[in-house]
Amino acid sequence: MAEEVQVGVFLTHQQPAGRDPVEALGEQLRLVRAARDGGLDSVFAGQHHLPESFSHIQPLPWLARLAAEAGEMRIGTGIHLLALHNPVDTAENFASLDAVTGGRSVFGVGLGYREVEYAAFGVPPEQKVKRFTENLRIVQELWSGEPVHADNPWCRLDGVRSTSLPHRTPPVWMAANSDGAVRRAARLGDTWMINPHATTATVRRQLDLFHAERAAAGREPVRELPLMREIYCAPTRDRALELARPHLARKYEVYADWGQDKVMPDRESFRSDYAELADDRFIVGSPQDCVDALLPWRDSLGVNHFILRTDWAGMPIDDALASLHRLATEVAPALRSS
């Protein structure tokens, strides 16, 4: 395990459809600066294609832009939809991002789950695991600078060497929802990027699978275990619930429409009322409530990189900034303390 706990922010940059993208970008950059000035350690962005319910800036231009504002924060994807994209393009783009960030990038990858995305890229769903695994191999071999061979319908390489190399090889953080994907993350990734959707009980069970699979594959224990959580911090629990609930509830309605819960284990469903959905998933409350909810992840489960999402489509920027400020000044120091 890494010795120090790190705390970062996840900026999805999802916006209500039709919102002025320049205005939205300006607000998101205010969040980046607030995270930087508050001493947070990392900032992550996600990827979706054709997100009909939201507008969604793509992560590579977004991360390159925020790198100019991020100071010494690490910068990563949570996640890049690796199976959908050409691995040469991915390898060169993310090597370039690593150079832009001065070697502070994290390559977060995952399969995704939306059928519309796979249809748009012409990738049969039954081929996505094979394509994901092969693309990861190609990306990592291209980053090595050694000759790379591939003979696939979507990518053919005959001993080519890439000269577009990262400053430092980015760690591969692999997102996973199902038990099979968790085992795959143990074998292929540098760590499992724990999703924000599963309950603590589910994650605890899956961590046992993850560590056992990693040991069986002859891989060393992970040094870094990152966790994403939905969180809102206000002076009181009632105020936090008042400000966060409408936006969190709407986001998970969209996730249900997209089929996110179909890939969750243990028959979890997002077709629930807010109280049932929030139980053991969302952290909404006072600074002490937030600390009390997060510390067991550190002390019992070994999480040492918290990636906190406190901004959702439609939330006023001042409300998101207020929560972020409390997380940086009151919650993060408690998580970092011994």
C-alpha atoms as a PDB file:
ATOM      1  CA  MET A   1       0.000   0.000   0.000  1.00  0.00           C
ATOM      2  CA  ALA A   2       1.063   3.576  -0.565  1.00  0.00           C
ATOM      3  CA  GLU A   3       1.987   5.199   2.737  1.00  0.00           C
ATOM      4  CA  GLU A   4      -0.045   8.376   2.339  1.00  0.00           C
ATOM      5  CA  VAL A   5      -3.759   8.755   1.755  1.00  0.00           C
ATOM      6  CA  GLN A   6      -4.657  10.916  -1.215  1.00  0.00           C
ATOM      7  CA  VAL A   7      -7.937  12.716  -1.819  1.00  0.00           C
ATOM      8  CA  GLY A   8      -9.091  13.897  -5.230  1.00  0.00           C
ATOM      9  CA  VAL A   9     -12.150  15.143  -7.056  1.00  0.00           C
ATOM     10  CA  PHE A  10     -14.098  13.609  -9.925  1.00  0.00           C
ATOM     11  CA  LEU A  11     -15.410  16.207 -12.395  1.00  0.00           C
ATOM     12  CA  THR A  12     -17.734  14.389 -14.757  1.00  0.00           C
ATOM     13  CA  HIS A  13     -18.501  17.643 -16.544  1.00  0.00           C
ATOM     14  CA  GLN A  14     -22.009  16.392 -17.277  1.00  0.00           C
ATOM     15  CA  GLN A  15     -24.391  19.246 -17.964  1.00  0.00           C
ATOM     16  CA  PRO A  16     -28.080  19.582 -18.781  1.00  0.00           C
ATOM     17  CA  ALA A  17     -28.501  19.051 -22.516  1.00  0.00           C
ATOM     18  CA  GLY A  18     -28.432  22.335 -24.394  1.00  0.00           C
ATOM     19  CA  ARG A  19     -26.450  24.257 -21.786  1.00  0.00           C
ATOM     20  CA  ASP A  20     -23.891  26.779 -23.088  1.00  0.00           C
ATOM     21  CA  PRO A  21     -20.665  24.690 -23.164  1.00  0.00           C
ATOM     22  CA  VAL A  22     -18.381  27.705 -22.712  1.00  0.00           C
ATOM     23  CA  GLU A  23     -20.228  28.838 -19.599  1.00  0.00           C
ATOM     24  CA  ALA A  24     -20.206  25.283 -18.248  1.00  0.00           C
ATOM     25  CA  LEU A  25     -16.469  24.931 -18.903  1.00  0.00           C
ATOM     26  CA  GLY A  26     -15.792  28.133 -16.998  1.00  0.00           C
ATOM     27  CA  GLU A  27     -17.659  26.794 -13.982  1.00  0.00           C
ATOM     28  CA  GLN A  28     -15.825  23.484 -14.080  1.00  0.00           C
ATOM     29  CA  LEU A  29     -12.484  25.301 -14.161  1.00  0.00           C
ATOM     30  CA  ARG A  30     -13.533  27.141 -11.006  1.00  0.00           C
ATOM     31  CA  LEU A  31     -13.906  23.725  -9.376  1.00  0.00           C
ATOM     32  CA  VAL A  32     -10.447  22.692 -10.609  1.00  0.00           C
ATOM     33  CA  ARG A  33      -8.882  25.819  -9.110  1.00  0.00           C
ATOM     34  CA  ALA A  34     -10.743  25.315  -5.852  1.00  0.00           C
ATOM     35  CA  ALA A  35      -9.491  21.717  -5.639  1.00  0.00           C
ATOM     36  CA  ARG A  36      -5.936  22.851  -6.394  1.00  0.00           C
ATOM     37  CA  ASP A  37      -5.998  25.707  -3.893  1.00  0.00           C
ATOM     38  CA  GLY A  38      -7.584  23.418  -1.298  1.00  0.00           C
ATOM     39  CA  GLY A  39      -4.635  21.037  -1.547  1.00  0.00           C
ATOM     40  CA  LEU A  40      -6.437  18.095  -3.129  1.00  0.00           C
ATOM     41  CA  ASP A  41      -4.265  15.500  -4.806  1.00  0.00           C
ATOM     42  CA  SER A  42      -5.991  14.518  -8.051  1.00  0.00           C
ATOM     43  CA  VAL A  43      -8.694  15.300 -10.565  1.00  0.00           C
ATOM     44  CA  PHE A  44     -10.461  12.775 -12.803  1.00  0.00           C
ATOM     45  CA  ALA A  45     -12.890  12.961 -15.704  1.00  0.00           C
ATOM     46  CA  GLY A  46     -15.087  10.330 -17.331  1.00  0.00           C
ATOM     47  CA  GLN A  47     -16.198   9.437 -20.839  1.00  0.00           C
ATOM     48  CA  HIS A  48     -19.492   8.748 -22.540  1.00  0.00           C
ATOM     49  CA  HIS A  49     -20.566   8.972 -26.165  1.00  0.00           C
ATOM     50  CA  LEU A  50     -24.027  10.084 -27.262  1.00  0.00           C
ATOM     51  CA  PRO A  51     -25.226  10.842 -23.715  1.00  0.00           C
ATOM     52  CA  GLU A  52     -28.710  11.931 -24.723  1.00  0.00           C
ATOM     53  CA  SER A  53     -29.824  13.008 -21.245  1.00  0.00           C
ATOM     54  CA  PHE A  54     -26.745  15.181 -20.627  1.00  0.00           C
ATOM     55  CA  SER A  55     -24.136  17.056 -22.572  1.00  0.00           C
ATOM     56  CA  HIS A  56     -20.688  15.671 -21.871  1.00  0.00           C
ATOM     57  CA  ILE A  57     -17.326  17.076 -22.905  1.00  0.00           C
ATOM     58  CA  GLN A  58     -14.813  14.440 -23.979  1.00  0.00           C
ATOM     59  CA  PRO A  59     -12.069  13.791 -21.426  1.00  0.00           C
ATOM     60  CA  LEU A  60      -8.892  14.246 -23.471  1.00  0.00           C
ATOM     61  CA  PRO A  61      -9.377  17.909 -24.451  1.00  0.00           C
ATOM     62  CA  TRP A  62     -10.925  18.567 -21.048  1.00  0.00           C
ATOM     63  CA  LEU A  63      -8.040  17.012 -19.109  1.00  0.00           C
ATOM     64  CA  ALA A  64      -5.461  18.772 -21.256  1.00  0.00           C
ATOM     65  CA  ARG A  65      -7.199  22.086 -20.577  1.00  0.00           C
ATOM     66  CA  LEU A  66      -7.504  21.583 -16.837  1.00  0.00           C
ATOM     67  CA  ALA A  67      -3.862  20.458 -16.624  1.00  0.00           C
ATOM     68  CA  ALA A  68      -2.953  24.115 -17.080  1.00  0.00           C
ATOM     69  CA  GLU A  69      -4.912  24.918 -13.913  1.00  0.00           C
ATOM     70  CA  ALA A  70      -4.214  21.812 -11.831  1.00  0.00           C
ATOM     71  CA  GLY A  71      -0.834  22.628 -10.302  1.00  0.00           C
ATOM     72  CA  GLU A  72       0.723  19.429  -8.952  1.00  0.00           C
ATOM     73  CA  MET A  73      -2.497  17.376  -8.932  1.00  0.00           C
ATOM     74  CA  ARG A  74      -2.515  14.011 -10.667  1.00  0.00           C
ATOM     75  CA  ILE A  75      -4.841  13.877 -13.674  1.00  0.00           C
ATOM     76  CA  GLY A  76      -6.680  10.846 -14.967  1.00  0.00           C
ATOM     77  CA  THR A  77      -9.620   9.264 -16.711  1.00  0.00           C
ATOM     78  CA  GLY A  78     -12.362   7.521 -14.867  1.00  0.00           C
ATOM     79  CA  ILE A  79     -12.810   5.986 -17.396  1.00  0.00           C
ATOM     80  CA  HIS A  80     -11.621   5.753 -21.008  1.00  0.00           C
ATOM     81  CA  LEU A  81     -13.784   3.315 -22.973  1.00  0.00           C
ATOM     82  CA  LEU A  82     -10.860   1.313 -24.270  1.00  0.00           C
ATOM     83  CA  ALA A  83     -12.728  -1.317 -26.301  1.00  0.00           C
ATOM     84  CA  LEU A  84     -14.378   1.343 -28.470  1.00  0.00           C
ATOM     85  CA  HIS A  85     -11.233   3.122 -29.609  1.00  0.00           C
ATOM     86  CA  ASN A  86      -8.275   2.280 -31.800  1.00  0.00           C
ATOM     87  CA  PRO A  87      -5.370   1.300 -29.545  1.00  0.00           C
ATOM     88  CA  VAL A  88      -2.745   3.215 -31.545  1.00  0.00           C
ATOM     89  CA  ASP A  89      -4.793   6.399 -31.269  1.00  0.00           C
ATOM     90  CA  THR A  90      -5.318   5.713 -27.562  1.00  0.00           C
ATOM     91  CA  ALA A  91      -1.633   5.031 -26.892  1.00  0.00           C
ATOM     92  CA  GLU A  92      -0.468   8.181 -28.663  1.00  0.00           C
ATOM     93  CA  ASN A  93      -3.151  10.425 -27.174  1.00  0.00           C
ATOM     94  CA  PHE A  94      -2.606   9.290 -23.611  1.00  0.00           C
ATOM     95  CA  ALA A  95       1.176   9.428 -23.982  1.00  0.00           C
ATOM     96  CA  SER A  96       0.660  13.009 -25.099  1.00  0.00           C
ATOM     97  CA  LEU A  97      -1.585  13.696 -22.101  1.00  0.00           C
ATOM     98  CA  ASP A  98       1.107  12.316 -19.815  1.00  0.00           C
ATOM     99  CA  ALA A  99       3.598  14.755 -21.326  1.00  0.00           C
ATOM    100  CA  VAL A 100       1.140  17.642 -20.910  1.00  0.00           C
ATOM    101  CA  THR A 101       0.705  16.739 -17.227  1.00  0.00           C
ATOM    102  CA  GLY A 102       4.430  16.358 -16.604  1.00  0.00           C
ATOM    103  CA  GLY A 103       4.142  12.625 -15.975  1.00  0.00           C
ATOM    104  CA  ARG A 104       1.265  12.869 -13.509  1.00  0.00           C
ATOM    105  CA  SER A 105      -1.397  11.058 -15.531  1.00  0.00           C
ATOM    106  CA  VAL A 106      -3.458   8.001 -14.603  1.00  0.00           C
ATOM    107  CA  PHE A 107      -4.847   5.761 -17.346  1.00  0.00           C
ATOM    108  CA  GLY A 108      -8.244   4.740 -16.033  1.00  0.00           C
ATOM    109  CA  VAL A 109     -10.006   2.266 -18.322  1.00  0.00           C
ATOM    110  CA  GLY A 110     -13.139   0.162 -18.397  1.00  0.00           C
ATOM    111  CA  LEU A 111     -15.586  -1.656 -20.627  1.00  0.00           C
ATOM    112  CA  GLY A 112     -18.582   0.619 -20.321  1.00  0.00           C
ATOM    113  CA  TYR A 113     -22.083  -0.745 -20.537  1.00  0.00           C
ATOM    114  CA  ARG A 114     -24.208   1.347 -22.924  1.00  0.00           C
ATOM    115  CA  GLU A 115     -25.403  -0.512 -26.002  1.00  0.00           C
ATOM    116  CA  VAL A 116     -25.767   2.718 -27.992  1.00  0.00           C
ATOM    117  CA  GLU A 117     -22.035   3.370 -27.631  1.00  0.00           C
ATOM    118  CA  TYR A 118     -21.015  -0.070 -28.871  1.00  0.00           C
ATOM    119  CA  ALA A 119     -23.473   0.184 -31.775  1.00  0.00           C
ATOM    120  CA  ALA A 120     -22.133   3.615 -32.731  1.00  0.00           C
ATOM    121  CA  PHE A 121     -18.567   2.303 -32.955  1.00  0.00           C
ATOM    122  CA  GLY A 122     -19.564  -0.916 -34.703  1.00  0.00           C
ATOM    123  CA  VAL A 123     -18.284  -3.147 -31.902  1.00  0.00           C
ATOM    124  CA  PRO A 124     -20.397  -6.283 -31.296  1.00  0.00           C
ATOM    125  CA  PRO A 125     -21.082  -6.524 -27.544  1.00  0.00           C
ATOM    126  CA  GLU A 126     -19.967 -10.159 -27.461  1.00  0.00           C
ATOM    127  CA  GLN A 127     -16.498  -9.048 -28.624  1.00  0.00           C
ATOM    128  CA  LYS A 128     -15.975  -6.242 -26.110  1.00  0.00           C
ATOM    129  CA  VAL A 129     -13.937  -8.200 -23.553  1.00  0.00           C
ATOM    130  CA  LYS A 130     -11.586  -9.604 -26.207  1.00  0.00           C
ATOM    131  CA  ARG A 131     -11.211  -6.191 -27.789  1.00  0.00           C
ATOM    132  CA  PHE A 132     -10.637  -4.507 -24.425  1.00  0.00           C
ATOM    133  CA  THR A 133      -7.953  -6.999 -23.424  1.00  0.00           C
ATOM    134  CA  GLU A 134      -6.160  -6.851 -26.773  1.00  0.00           C
ATOM    135  CA  ASN A 135      -6.282  -3.060 -26.914  1.00  0.00           C
ATOM    136  CA  LEU A 136      -4.758  -2.828 -23.455  1.00  0.00           C
ATOM    137  CA  ARG A 137      -1.918  -5.125 -24.514  1.00  0.00           C
ATOM    138  CA  ILE A 138      -1.229  -3.028 -27.600  1.00  0.00           C
ATOM    139  CA  VAL A 139      -1.286   0.270 -25.698  1.00  0.00           C
ATOM    140  CA  GLN A 140       1.127  -0.983 -23.056  1.00  0.00           C
ATOM    141  CA  GLU A 141       3.491  -2.499 -25.620  1.00  0.00           C
ATOM    142  CA  LEU A 142       3.488   0.704 -27.678  1.00  0.00           C
ATOM    143  CA  TRP A 143       4.385   2.656 -24.537  1.00  0.00           C
ATOM    144  CA  SER A 144       7.386   0.374 -24.035  1.00  0.00           C
ATOM    145  CA  GLY A 145       8.985   1.591 -27.258  1.00  0.00           C
ATOM    146  CA  GLU A 146       9.607  -2.009 -28.325  1.00  0.00           C
ATOM    147  CA  PRO A 147       8.339  -3.635 -31.561  1.00  0.00           C
ATOM    148  CA  VAL A 148       4.621  -4.400 -31.446  1.00  0.00           C
ATOM    149  CA  HIS A 149       2.726  -7.004 -33.445  1.00  0.00           C
ATOM    150  CA  ALA A 150      -1.037  -7.271 -33.844  1.00  0.00           C
ATOM    151  CA  ASP A 151      -3.289  -8.952 -36.380  1.00  0.00           C
ATOM    152  CA  ASN A 152      -6.855  -7.894 -35.653  1.00  0.00           C
ATOM    153  CA  PRO A 153      -9.623  -6.657 -37.939  1.00  0.00           C
ATOM    154  CA  TRP A 154      -9.431  -3.271 -36.184  1.00  0.00           C
ATOM    155  CA  CYS A 155      -5.631  -2.939 -35.785  1.00  0.00           C
ATOM    156  CA  ARG A 156      -2.730  -4.515 -37.657  1.00  0.00           C
ATOM    157  CA  LEU A 157       0.851  -3.860 -36.616  1.00  0.00           C
ATOM    158  CA  ASP A 158       3.960  -5.566 -38.008  1.00  0.00           C
ATOM    159  CA  GLY A 159       6.771  -4.866 -35.589  1.00  0.00           C
ATOM    160  CA  VAL A 160       6.177  -1.121 -35.367  1.00  0.00           C
ATOM    161  CA  ARG A 161       7.748   0.994 -32.637  1.00  0.00           C
ATOM    162  CA  SER A 162       6.003   4.036 -31.216  1.00  0.00           C
ATOM    163  CA  THR A 163       7.972   7.226 -30.756  1.00  0.00           C
ATOM    164  CA  SER A 164       5.025   8.897 -28.973  1.00  0.00           C
ATOM    165  CA  LEU A 165       5.975   7.775 -25.488  1.00  0.00           C
ATOM    166  CA  PRO A 166       4.698   8.955 -22.110  1.00  0.00           C
ATOM    167  CA  HIS A 167       6.997  10.913 -19.827  1.00  0.00           C
ATOM    168  CA  ARG A 168       6.319   8.248 -17.197  1.00  0.00           C
ATOM    169  CA  THR A 169       4.284   5.157 -17.974  1.00  0.00           C
ATOM    170  CA  PRO A 170       0.822   5.881 -16.534  1.00  0.00           C
ATOM    171  CA  PRO A 171      -0.567   3.359 -14.053  1.00  0.00           C
ATOM    172  CA  VAL A 172      -3.571   1.401 -15.339  1.00  0.00           C
ATOM    173  CA  TRP A 173      -6.563   1.788 -13.038  1.00  0.00           C
ATOM    174  CA  MET A 174      -9.291  -0.574 -14.160  1.00  0.00           C
ATOM    175  CA  ALA A 175     -12.957   0.053 -13.386  1.00  0.00           C
ATOM    176  CA  ALA A 176     -15.123  -2.989 -12.724  1.00  0.00           C
ATOM    177  CA  ASN A 177     -18.694  -3.650 -11.649  1.00  0.00           C
ATOM    178  CA  SER A 178     -19.337  -7.383 -12.088  1.00  0.00           C
ATOM    179  CA  ASP A 179     -17.409 -10.123 -10.313  1.00  0.00           C
ATOM    180  CA  GLY A 180     -15.824 -11.208 -13.587  1.00  0.00           C
ATOM    181  CA  ALA A 181     -14.642  -7.680 -14.314  1.00  0.00           C
ATOM    182  CA  VAL A 182     -13.184  -7.382 -10.803  1.00  0.00           C
ATOM    183  CA  ARG A 183     -11.158 -10.552 -11.392  1.00  0.00           C
ATOM    184  CA  ARG A 184     -10.010  -9.179 -14.749  1.00  0.00           C
ATOM    185  CA  ALA A 185      -8.888  -5.959 -13.056  1.00  0.00           C
ATOM    186  CA  ALA A 186      -6.852  -8.032 -10.605  1.00  0.00           C
ATOM    187  CA  ARG A 187      -5.053  -9.834 -13.438  1.00  0.00           C
ATOM    188  CA  LEU A 188      -4.560  -6.975 -15.899  1.00  0.00           C
ATOM    189  CA  GLY A 189      -4.648  -3.677 -14.043  1.00  0.00           C
ATOM    190  CA  ASP A 190      -2.318  -1.970 -11.613  1.00  0.00           C
ATOM    191  CA  THR A 191      -5.330  -1.589  -9.352  1.00  0.00           C
ATOM    192  CA  TRP A 192      -9.115  -1.711  -9.231  1.00  0.00           C
ATOM    193  CA  MET A 193     -10.837   1.673  -9.517  1.00  0.00           C
ATOM    194  CA  ILE A 194     -13.783   0.997  -7.208  1.00  0.00           C
ATOM    195  CA  ASN A 195     -17.004   2.380  -8.646  1.00  0.00           C
ATOM    196  CA  PRO A 196     -19.291   4.825  -6.817  1.00  0.00           C
ATOM    197  CA  HIS A 197     -22.442   2.783  -7.441  1.00  0.00           C
ATOM    198  CA  ALA A 198     -21.968  -0.364  -5.362  1.00  0.00           C
ATOM    199  CA  THR A 199     -22.799  -0.688  -1.686  1.00  0.00           C
ATOM    200  CA  THR A 200     -20.107  -1.178   0.917  1.00  0.00           C
ATOM    201  CA  ALA A 201     -21.186  -4.789   1.430  1.00  0.00           C
ATOM    202  CA  THR A 202     -20.795  -5.554  -2.268  1.00  0.00           C
ATOM    203  CA  VAL A 203     -17.382  -3.895  -2.484  1.00  0.00           C
ATOM    204  CA  ARG A 204     -16.159  -5.708   0.634  1.00  0.00           C
ATOM    205  CA  ARG A 205     -17.112  -9.067  -0.920  1.00  0.00           C
ATOM    206  CA  GLN A 206     -15.555  -8.147  -4.265  1.00  0.00           C
ATOM    207  CA  LEU A 207     -12.324  -6.977  -2.655  1.00  0.00           C
ATOM    208  CA  ASP A 208     -11.848 -10.512  -1.369  1.00  0.00           C
ATOM    209  CA  LEU A 209     -12.242 -11.749  -4.952  1.00  0.00           C
ATOM    210  CA  PHE A 210      -9.861  -9.088  -6.214  1.00  0.00           C
ATOM    211  CA  HIS A 211      -7.053  -9.840  -3.758  1.00  0.00           C
ATOM    212  CA  ALA A 212      -7.423 -13.609  -4.186  1.00  0.00           C
ATOM    213  CA  GLU A 213      -7.345 -13.382  -7.990  1.00  0.00           C
ATOM    214  CA  ARG A 214      -4.333 -11.118  -7.901  1.00  0.00           C
ATOM    215  CA  ALA A 215      -2.438 -13.511  -5.666  1.00  0.00           C
ATOM    216  CA  ALA A 216      -3.407 -16.473  -7.858  1.00  0.00           C
ATOM    217  CA  ALA A 217      -2.045 -14.619 -10.898  1.00  0.00           C
ATOM    218  CA  GLY A 218       1.275 -14.129  -9.120  1.00  0.00           C
ATOM    219  CA  ARG A 219       0.888 -10.360  -8.926  1.00  0.00           C
ATOM    220  CA  GLU A 220       2.027  -8.239  -6.013  1.00  0.00           C
ATOM    221  CA  PRO A 221      -0.515  -6.617  -3.687  1.00  0.00           C
ATOM    222  CA  VAL A 222      -1.644  -3.227  -4.942  1.00  0.00           C
ATOM    223  CA  ARG A 223       0.084  -0.172  -3.518  1.00  0.00           C
ATOM    224  CA  GLU A 224      -2.818   2.107  -4.313  1.00  0.00           C
ATOM    225  CA  LEU A 225      -6.513   1.321  -3.914  1.00  0.00           C
ATOM    226  CA  PRO A 226      -8.765   4.084  -5.280  1.00  0.00           C
ATOM    227  CA  LEU A 227     -12.428   4.535  -4.408  1.00  0.00           C
ATOM    228  CA  MET A 228     -14.961   6.791  -6.102  1.00  0.00           C
ATOM    229  CA  ARG A 229     -17.901   8.050  -4.002  1.00  0.00           C
ATOM    230  CA  GLU A 230     -20.834  10.381  -4.479  1.00  0.00           C
ATOM    231  CA  ILE A 231     -20.596  12.896  -1.631  1.00  0.00           C
ATOM    232  CA  TYR A 232     -22.017  16.231  -0.572  1.00  0.00           C
ATOM    233  CA  CYS A 233     -20.849  18.149   2.474  1.00  0.00           C
ATOM    234  CA  ALA A 234     -22.794  20.980   4.136  1.00  0.00           C
ATOM    235  CA  PRO A 235     -22.941  22.439   7.650  1.00  0.00           C
ATOM    236  CA  THR A 236     -25.755  20.039   8.598  1.00  0.00           C
ATOM    237  CA  ARG A 237     -27.089  16.743   7.319  1.00  0.00           C
ATOM    238  CA  ASP A 238     -30.492  18.257   6.544  1.00  0.00           C
ATOM    239  CA  ARG A 239     -28.949  21.071   4.513  1.00  0.00           C
ATOM    240  CA  ALA A 240     -26.722  18.640   2.622  1.00  0.00           C
ATOM    241  CA  LEU A 241     -29.707  16.463   1.748  1.00  0.00           C
ATOM    242  CA  GLU A 242     -31.716  19.487   0.617  1.00  0.00           C
ATOM    243  CA  LEU A 243     -28.971  20.623  -1.768  1.00  0.00           C
ATOM    244  CA  ALA A 244     -27.792  17.265  -3.107  1.00  0.00           C
ATOM    245  CA  ARG A 245     -30.857  15.075  -3.343  1.00  0.00           C
ATOM    246  CA  PRO A 246     -32.529  16.528  -6.480  1.00  0.00           C
ATOM    247  CA  HIS A 247     -29.341  16.259  -8.544  1.00  0.00           C
ATOM    248  CA  LEU A 248     -28.203  12.864  -7.275  1.00  0.00           C
ATOM    249  CA  ALA A 249     -31.671  11.377  -7.724  1.00  0.00           C
ATOM    250  CA  ARG A 250     -31.832  12.675 -11.296  1.00  0.00           C
ATOM    251  CA  LYS A 251     -28.377  11.313 -12.119  1.00  0.00           C
ATOM    252  CA  TYR A 252     -29.278   7.807 -11.008  1.00  0.00           C
ATOM    253  CA  GLU A 253     -32.563   7.935 -12.901  1.00  0.00           C
ATOM    254  CA  VAL A 254     -30.440   8.480 -15.994  1.00  0.00           C
ATOM    255  CA  TYR A 255     -28.082   5.656 -14.995  1.00  0.00           C
ATOM    256  CA  ALA A 256     -31.104   3.360 -14.768  1.00  0.00           C
ATOM    257  CA  ASP A 257     -32.244   4.516 -18.215  1.00  0.00           C
ATOM    258  CA  TRP A 258     -28.759   3.792 -19.559  1.00  0.00           C
ATOM    259  CA  GLY A 259     -28.676   0.308 -18.020  1.00  0.00           C
ATOM    260  CA  GLN A 260     -25.834   0.917 -15.557  1.00  0.00           C
ATOM    261  CA  ASP A 261     -27.528  -1.224 -12.925  1.00  0.00           C
ATOM    262  CA  LYS A 262     -27.758  -4.170 -15.313  1.00  0.00           C
ATOM    263  CA  VAL A 263     -24.018  -4.748 -14.923  1.00  0.00           C
ATOM    264  CA  MET A 264     -24.072  -4.452 -11.136  1.00  0.00           C
ATOM    265  CA  PRO A 265     -23.724  -7.648  -9.073  1.00  0.00           C
ATOM    266  CA  ASP A 266     -26.046  -8.919  -6.345  1.00  0.00           C
ATOM    267  CA  ARG A 267     -29.184  -7.816  -8.205  1.00  0.00           C
ATOM    268  CA  GLU A 268     -28.680  -4.192  -7.297  1.00  0.00           C
ATOM    269  CA  SER A 269     -31.149  -1.847  -8.980  1.00  0.00           C
ATOM    270  CA  PHE A 270     -31.263   1.901  -9.464  1.00  0.00           C
ATOM    271  CA  ARG A 271     -35.073   1.782  -9.913  1.00  0.00           C
ATOM    272  CA  SER A 272     -35.609   2.725  -6.276  1.00  0.00           C
ATOM    273  CA  ASP A 273     -36.689   5.755  -4.324  1.00  0.00           C
ATOM    274  CA  TYR A 274     -33.892   8.038  -3.184  1.00  0.00           C
ATOM    275  CA  ALA A 275     -33.729   6.821   0.421  1.00  0.00           C
ATOM    276  CA  GLU A 276     -33.303   3.190  -0.620  1.00  0.00           C
ATOM    277  CA  LEU A 277     -30.845   4.048  -3.368  1.00  0.00           C
ATOM    278  CA  ALA A 278     -28.754   6.313  -1.136  1.00  0.00           C
ATOM    279  CA  ASP A 279     -28.423   3.821   1.719  1.00  0.00           C
ATOM    280  CA  ASP A 280     -24.813   2.613   1.932  1.00  0.00           C
ATOM    281  CA  ARG A 281     -24.007   4.322  -1.388  1.00  0.00           C
ATOM    282  CA  PHE A 282     -24.137   8.105  -1.118  1.00  0.00           C
ATOM    283  CA  ILE A 283     -22.445  10.198   1.556  1.00  0.00           C
ATOM    284  CA  VAL A 284     -24.516  13.295   2.252  1.00  0.00           C
ATOM    285  CA  GLY A 285     -24.110  15.191   5.481  1.00  0.00           C
ATOM    286  CA  SER A 286     -21.981  17.375   7.720  1.00  0.00           C
ATOM    287  CA  PRO A 287     -18.178  17.254   7.635  1.00  0.00           C
ATOM    288  CA  GLN A 288     -18.213  14.836  10.575  1.00  0.00           C
ATOM    289  CA  ASP A 289     -20.828  12.670   8.833  1.00  0.00           C
ATOM    290  CA  CYS A 290     -18.563  12.516   5.770  1.00  0.00           C
ATOM    291  CA  VAL A 291     -15.476  11.642   7.790  1.00  0.00           C
ATOM    292  CA  ASP A 292     -17.347   8.959   9.719  1.00  0.00           C
ATOM    293  CA  ALA A 293     -18.612   7.404   6.464  1.00  0.00           C
ATOM    294  CA  LEU A 294     -15.230   7.424   4.714  1.00  0.00           C
ATOM    295  CA  LEU A 295     -12.867   6.340   7.479  1.00  0.00           C
ATOM    296  CA  PRO A 296     -14.048   2.680   7.466  1.00  0.00           C
ATOM    297  CA  TRP A 297     -13.088   2.463   3.802  1.00  0.00           C
ATOM    298  CA  ARG A 298      -9.568   3.458   4.793  1.00  0.00           C
ATOM    299  CA  ASP A 299      -9.230   1.545   8.033  1.00  0.00           C
ATOM    300  CA  SER A 300     -11.139  -1.657   7.215  1.00  0.00           C
ATOM    301  CA  LEU A 301     -10.828  -2.015   3.454  1.00  0.00           C
ATOM    302  CA  GLY A 302      -7.471  -0.409   2.700  1.00  0.00           C
ATOM    303  CA  VAL A 303      -8.615   2.423   0.430  1.00  0.00           C
ATOM    304  CA  ASN A 304      -5.896   5.048   0.197  1.00  0.00           C
ATOM    305  CA  HIS A 305      -7.042   7.226  -2.703  1.00  0.00           C
ATOM    306  CA  PHE A 306     -10.487   8.792  -2.361  1.00  0.00           C
ATOM    307  CA  ILE A 307     -11.982  10.287  -5.542  1.00  0.00           C
ATOM    308  CA  LEU A 308     -14.997  12.336  -4.534  1.00  0.00           C
ATOM    309  CA  ARG A 309     -17.760  13.549  -6.841  1.00  0.00           C
ATOM    310  CA  THR A 310     -19.650  16.481  -5.373  1.00  0.00           C
ATOM    311  CA  ASP A 311     -20.974  18.131  -8.544  1.00  0.00           C
ATOM    312  CA  TRP A 312     -23.833  16.815 -10.692  1.00  0.00           C
ATOM    313  CA  ALA A 313     -25.716  18.070 -13.734  1.00  0.00           C
ATOM    314  CA  GLY A 314     -27.931  20.984 -12.802  1.00  0.00           C
ATOM    315  CA  MET A 315     -26.339  21.763  -9.439  1.00  0.00           C
ATOM    316  CA  PRO A 316     -25.574  25.485  -9.012  1.00  0.00           C
ATOM    317  CA  ILE A 317     -21.836  26.065  -9.117  1.00  0.00           C
ATOM    318  CA  ASP A 318     -21.799  27.869  -5.771  1.00  0.00           C
ATOM    319  CA  ASP A 319     -23.341  24.836  -4.057  1.00  0.00           C
ATOM    320  CA  ALA A 320     -20.704  22.537  -5.577  1.00  0.00           C
ATOM    321  CA  LEU A 321     -17.911  24.929  -4.578  1.00  0.00           C
ATOM    322  CA  ALA A 322     -19.187  25.104  -0.997  1.00  0.00           C
ATOM    323  CA  SER A 323     -19.143  21.315  -0.683  1.00  0.00           C
ATOM    324  CA  LEU A 324     -15.730  21.048  -2.313  1.00  0.00           C
ATOM    325  CA  HIS A 325     -14.314  23.623   0.105  1.00  0.00           C
ATOM    326  CA  ARG A 326     -15.516  21.652   3.121  1.00  0.00           C
ATOM    327  CA  LEU A 327     -14.215  18.402   1.683  1.00  0.00           C
ATOM    328  CA  ALA A 328     -10.789  19.952   1.118  1.00  0.00           C
ATOM    329  CA  THR A 329     -10.495  21.749   4.448  1.00  0.00           C
ATOM    330  CA  GLU A 330     -12.367  19.503   6.900  1.00  0.00           C
ATOM    331  CA  VAL A 331     -12.718  16.007   5.425  1.00  0.00           C
ATOM    332  CA  ALA A 332      -9.466  15.439   3.515  1.00  0.00           C
ATOM    333  CA  PRO A 333      -7.207  16.302   6.495  1.00  0.00           C
ATOM    334  CA  ALA A 334      -9.053  13.746   8.637  1.00  0.00           C
ATOM    335  CA  LEU A 335      -8.603  11.055   5.974  1.00  0.00           C
ATOM    336  CA  ARG A 336      -4.896  11.820   5.682  1.00  0.00           C
ATOM    337  CA  SER A 337      -4.266  11.761   9.415  1.00  0.00           C
ATOM    338  CA  SER A 338      -3.073   8.612  11.128  1.00  0.00           C
END
